[in-house]
C-alpha atoms as a PDB file:
ATOM      1  CA  MET A   1      81.952  65.417 104.084  1.00  0.00           C
ATOM      2  CA  ILE A   2      84.580  68.230 104.194  1.00  0.00           C
ATOM      3  CA  ARG A   3      88.157  67.061 104.594  1.00  0.00           C
ATOM      4  CA  ASP A   4      89.852  70.301 105.686  1.00  0.00           C
ATOM      5  CA  ARG A   5      93.311  70.199 107.236  1.00  0.00           C
ATOM      6  CA  GLY A   6      92.578  73.275 109.381  1.00  0.00           C
ATOM      7  CA  ASN A   7      95.576  74.859 111.069  1.00  0.00           C
ATOM      8  CA  ILE A   8      97.950  72.156 109.866  1.00  0.00           C
ATOM      9  CA  LYS A   9      97.681  73.599 106.375  1.00  0.00           C
ATOM     10  CA  TRP A  10      98.918  77.022 107.500  1.00  0.00           C
ATOM     11  CA  THR A  11     101.790  76.138 109.836  1.00  0.00           C
ATOM     12  CA  ALA A  12     105.186  77.166 108.559  1.00  0.00           C
ATOM     13  CA  ILE A  13     108.041  74.769 108.242  1.00  0.00           C
ATOM     14  CA  MET A  14     111.395  76.470 108.806  1.00  0.00           C
ATOM     15  CA  LEU A  15     114.586  74.589 108.122  1.00  0.00           C
ATOM     16  CA  PRO A  16     117.586  75.420 110.321  1.00  0.00           C
ATOM     17  CA  GLU A  17     119.271  76.991 107.296  1.00  0.00           C
ATOM     18  CA  HIS A  18     116.277  79.278 106.821  1.00  0.00           C
ATOM     19  CA  VAL A  19     116.309  80.315 110.486  1.00  0.00           C
ATOM     20  CA  ALA A  20     120.042  81.092 110.287  1.00  0.00           C
ATOM     21  CA  ALA A  21     119.537  83.104 107.095  1.00  0.00           C
ATOM     22  CA  VAL A  22     116.719  85.145 108.662  1.00  0.00           C
ATOM     23  CA  LYS A  23     118.834  85.869 111.766  1.00  0.00           C
ATOM     24  CA  GLN A  24     121.775  86.923 109.593  1.00  0.00           C
ATOM     25  CA  GLU A  25     119.518  89.220 107.575  1.00  0.00           C
ATOM     26  CA  VAL A  26     118.267  90.903 110.780  1.00  0.00           C
ATOM     27  CA  ILE A  27     121.878  91.423 111.870  1.00  0.00           C
ATOM     28  CA  ASN A  28     122.757  92.911 108.468  1.00  0.00           C
ATOM     29  CA  LEU A  29     119.831  95.351 108.694  1.00  0.00           C
ATOM     30  CA  GLU A  30     121.274  96.815 111.915  1.00  0.00           C
ATOM     31  CA  LYS A  31     124.657  97.551 110.324  1.00  0.00           C
ATOM     32  CA  VAL A  32     125.479 101.041 109.096  1.00  0.00           C
ATOM     33  CA  LYS A  33     127.981 102.393 106.590  1.00  0.00           C
ATOM     34  CA  GLN A  34     130.972 104.322 107.862  1.00  0.00           C
ATOM     35  CA  PRO A  35     130.226 108.056 107.831  1.00  0.00           C
ATOM     36  CA  ILE A  36     132.639 110.261 105.904  1.00  0.00           C
ATOM     37  CA  LEU A  37     133.770 113.316 107.874  1.00  0.00           C
ATOM     38  CA  ASP A  38     134.366 116.617 106.117  1.00  0.00           C
ATOM     39  CA  GLU A  39     137.415 118.834 106.693  1.00  0.00           C
ATOM     40  CA  ASP A  40     135.619 121.192 109.094  1.00  0.00           C
ATOM     41  CA  ARG A  41     134.478 118.369 111.359  1.00  0.00           C
ATOM     42  CA  LEU A  42     137.956 116.809 111.305  1.00  0.00           C
ATOM     43  CA  THR A  43     139.451 120.139 112.356  1.00  0.00           C
ATOM     44  CA  GLU A  44     136.934 120.460 115.221  1.00  0.00           C
ATOM     45  CA  ILE A  45     137.731 116.938 116.411  1.00  0.00           C
ATOM     46  CA  GLU A  46     141.464 117.613 116.265  1.00  0.00           C
ATOM     47  CA  MET A  47     141.118 120.839 118.277  1.00  0.00           C
ATOM     48  CA  LEU A  48     138.924 119.089 120.848  1.00  0.00           C
ATOM     49  CA  ILE A  49     141.412 116.250 121.282  1.00  0.00           C
ATOM     50  CA  HIS A  50     144.355 118.632 121.703  1.00  0.00           C
ATOM     51  CA  GLU A  51     142.394 120.712 124.223  1.00  0.00           C
ATOM     52  CA  ALA A  52     141.454 117.578 126.157  1.00  0.00           C
ATOM     53  CA  MET A  53     145.091 116.441 126.239  1.00  0.00           C
ATOM     54  CA  GLU A  54     146.206 119.839 127.532  1.00  0.00           C
ATOM     55  CA  TYR A  55     143.608 120.032 130.324  1.00  0.00           C
ATOM     56  CA  ASN A  56     143.319 116.253 130.967  1.00  0.00           C
ATOM     57  CA  LEU A  57     139.620 116.117 130.060  1.00  0.00           C
ATOM     58  CA  GLN A  58     137.597 112.971 129.415  1.00  0.00           C
ATOM     59  CA  LEU A  59     136.252 112.444 125.920  1.00  0.00           C
ATOM     60  CA  GLU A  60     133.763 110.062 124.370  1.00  0.00           C
ATOM     61  CA  PHE A  61     135.127 108.544 121.175  1.00  0.00           C
ATOM     62  CA  LYS A  62     132.598 107.024 118.786  1.00  0.00           C
ATOM     63  CA  LEU A  63     134.232 104.423 116.571  1.00  0.00           C
ATOM     64  CA  PHE A  64     133.169 102.485 113.515  1.00  0.00           C
ATOM     65  CA  LYS A  65     133.832  98.738 113.900  1.00  0.00           C
ATOM     66  CA  LYS A  66     132.517  96.137 111.463  1.00  0.00           C
ATOM     67  CA  GLY A  67     129.312  97.990 110.642  1.00  0.00           C
ATOM     68  CA  TYR A  68     128.503  99.211 114.156  1.00  0.00           C
ATOM     69  CA  ILE A  69     129.216 102.401 116.097  1.00  0.00           C
ATOM     70  CA  GLU A  70     130.954 101.732 119.428  1.00  0.00           C
ATOM     71  CA  SER A  71     131.810 104.171 122.170  1.00  0.00           C
ATOM     72  CA  ILE A  72     134.907 104.498 124.381  1.00  0.00           C
ATOM     73  CA  ILE A  73     135.146 107.037 127.188  1.00  0.00           C
ATOM     74  CA  GLY A  74     138.576 108.023 128.422  1.00  0.00           C
ATOM     75  CA  HIS A  75     141.566 110.347 128.320  1.00  0.00           C
ATOM     76  CA  THR A  76     143.763 110.797 125.279  1.00  0.00           C
ATOM     77  CA  HIS A  77     147.037 109.270 126.411  1.00  0.00           C
ATOM     78  CA  PHE A  78     149.125 109.683 123.261  1.00  0.00           C
ATOM     79  CA  ILE A  79     148.763 110.568 119.580  1.00  0.00           C
ATOM     80  CA  ASP A  80     150.998 108.522 117.316  1.00  0.00           C
ATOM     81  CA  TYR A  81     151.293 110.311 113.965  1.00  0.00           C
ATOM     82  CA  ILE A  82     153.630 107.672 112.547  1.00  0.00           C
ATOM     83  CA  LYS A  83     151.157 104.793 113.027  1.00  0.00           C
ATOM     84  CA  ASN A  84     148.119 107.100 112.601  1.00  0.00           C
ATOM     85  CA  GLU A  85     146.468 106.076 115.857  1.00  0.00           C
ATOM     86  CA  PHE A  86     145.319 107.423 119.210  1.00  0.00           C
ATOM     87  CA  ARG A  87     146.007 105.765 122.516  1.00  0.00           C
ATOM     88  CA  ILE A  88     143.053 106.201 124.844  1.00  0.00           C
ATOM     89  CA  LYS A  89     143.232 105.375 128.555  1.00  0.00           C
ATOM     90  CA  ASP A  90     139.797 104.419 129.921  1.00  0.00           C
ATOM     91  CA  LYS A  91     138.540 104.436 133.526  1.00  0.00           C
ATOM     92  CA  ASP A  92     140.010 100.949 134.142  1.00  0.00           C
ATOM     93  CA  ASN A  93     143.450 102.202 133.020  1.00  0.00           C
ATOM     94  CA  LEU A  94     143.329 100.039 129.896  1.00  0.00           C
ATOM     95  CA  ILE A  95     144.933 101.575 126.841  1.00  0.00           C
ATOM     96  CA  HIS A  96     143.037 101.270 123.553  1.00  0.00           C
ATOM     97  CA  LYS A  97     144.826 101.856 120.250  1.00  0.00           C
ATOM     98  CA  ILE A  98     142.410 103.515 117.845  1.00  0.00           C
ATOM     99  CA  PRO A  99     143.274 104.204 114.189  1.00  0.00           C
ATOM    100  CA  PHE A 100     142.432 107.689 112.937  1.00  0.00           C
ATOM    101  CA  GLN A 101     140.204 106.239 110.197  1.00  0.00           C
ATOM    102  CA  LYS A 102     137.870 104.505 112.696  1.00  0.00           C
ATOM    103  CA  ILE A 103     136.820 107.703 114.511  1.00  0.00           C
ATOM    104  CA  VAL A 104     133.308 108.864 113.701  1.00  0.00           C
ATOM    105  CA  ASP A 105     132.770 111.500 116.408  1.00  0.00           C
ATOM    106  CA  VAL A 106     134.391 112.898 119.554  1.00  0.00           C
ATOM    107  CA  GLN A 107     132.532 114.705 122.345  1.00  0.00           C
ATOM    108  CA  LYS A 108     133.305 116.045 125.813  1.00  0.00           C
ATOM    109  CA  VAL A 109     131.893 114.017 128.674  1.00  0.00           C
END
């Protein structure tokens, strides 16, 4: 007589700690490193921002935050060279303070 456990033998037992570790690993795989911009790209971004301020154009700012790239669309309200940050006014008239170091890319909308 064969005493096989069948499917019971092959079912996985996952402890809550294991499930949490797997979820955290999936989250970590989605993260990216902050891109380093060269001088030419920084100059292009600076020119684009100044042009947008002069003609009141909307820009899309791509920012690096905690391993992810986020996007804010709005007008450049003010450039603070002392604090090294931009102040962006979005469509809801909220003002976002963005440090220069967090900017990854800027594009016209």
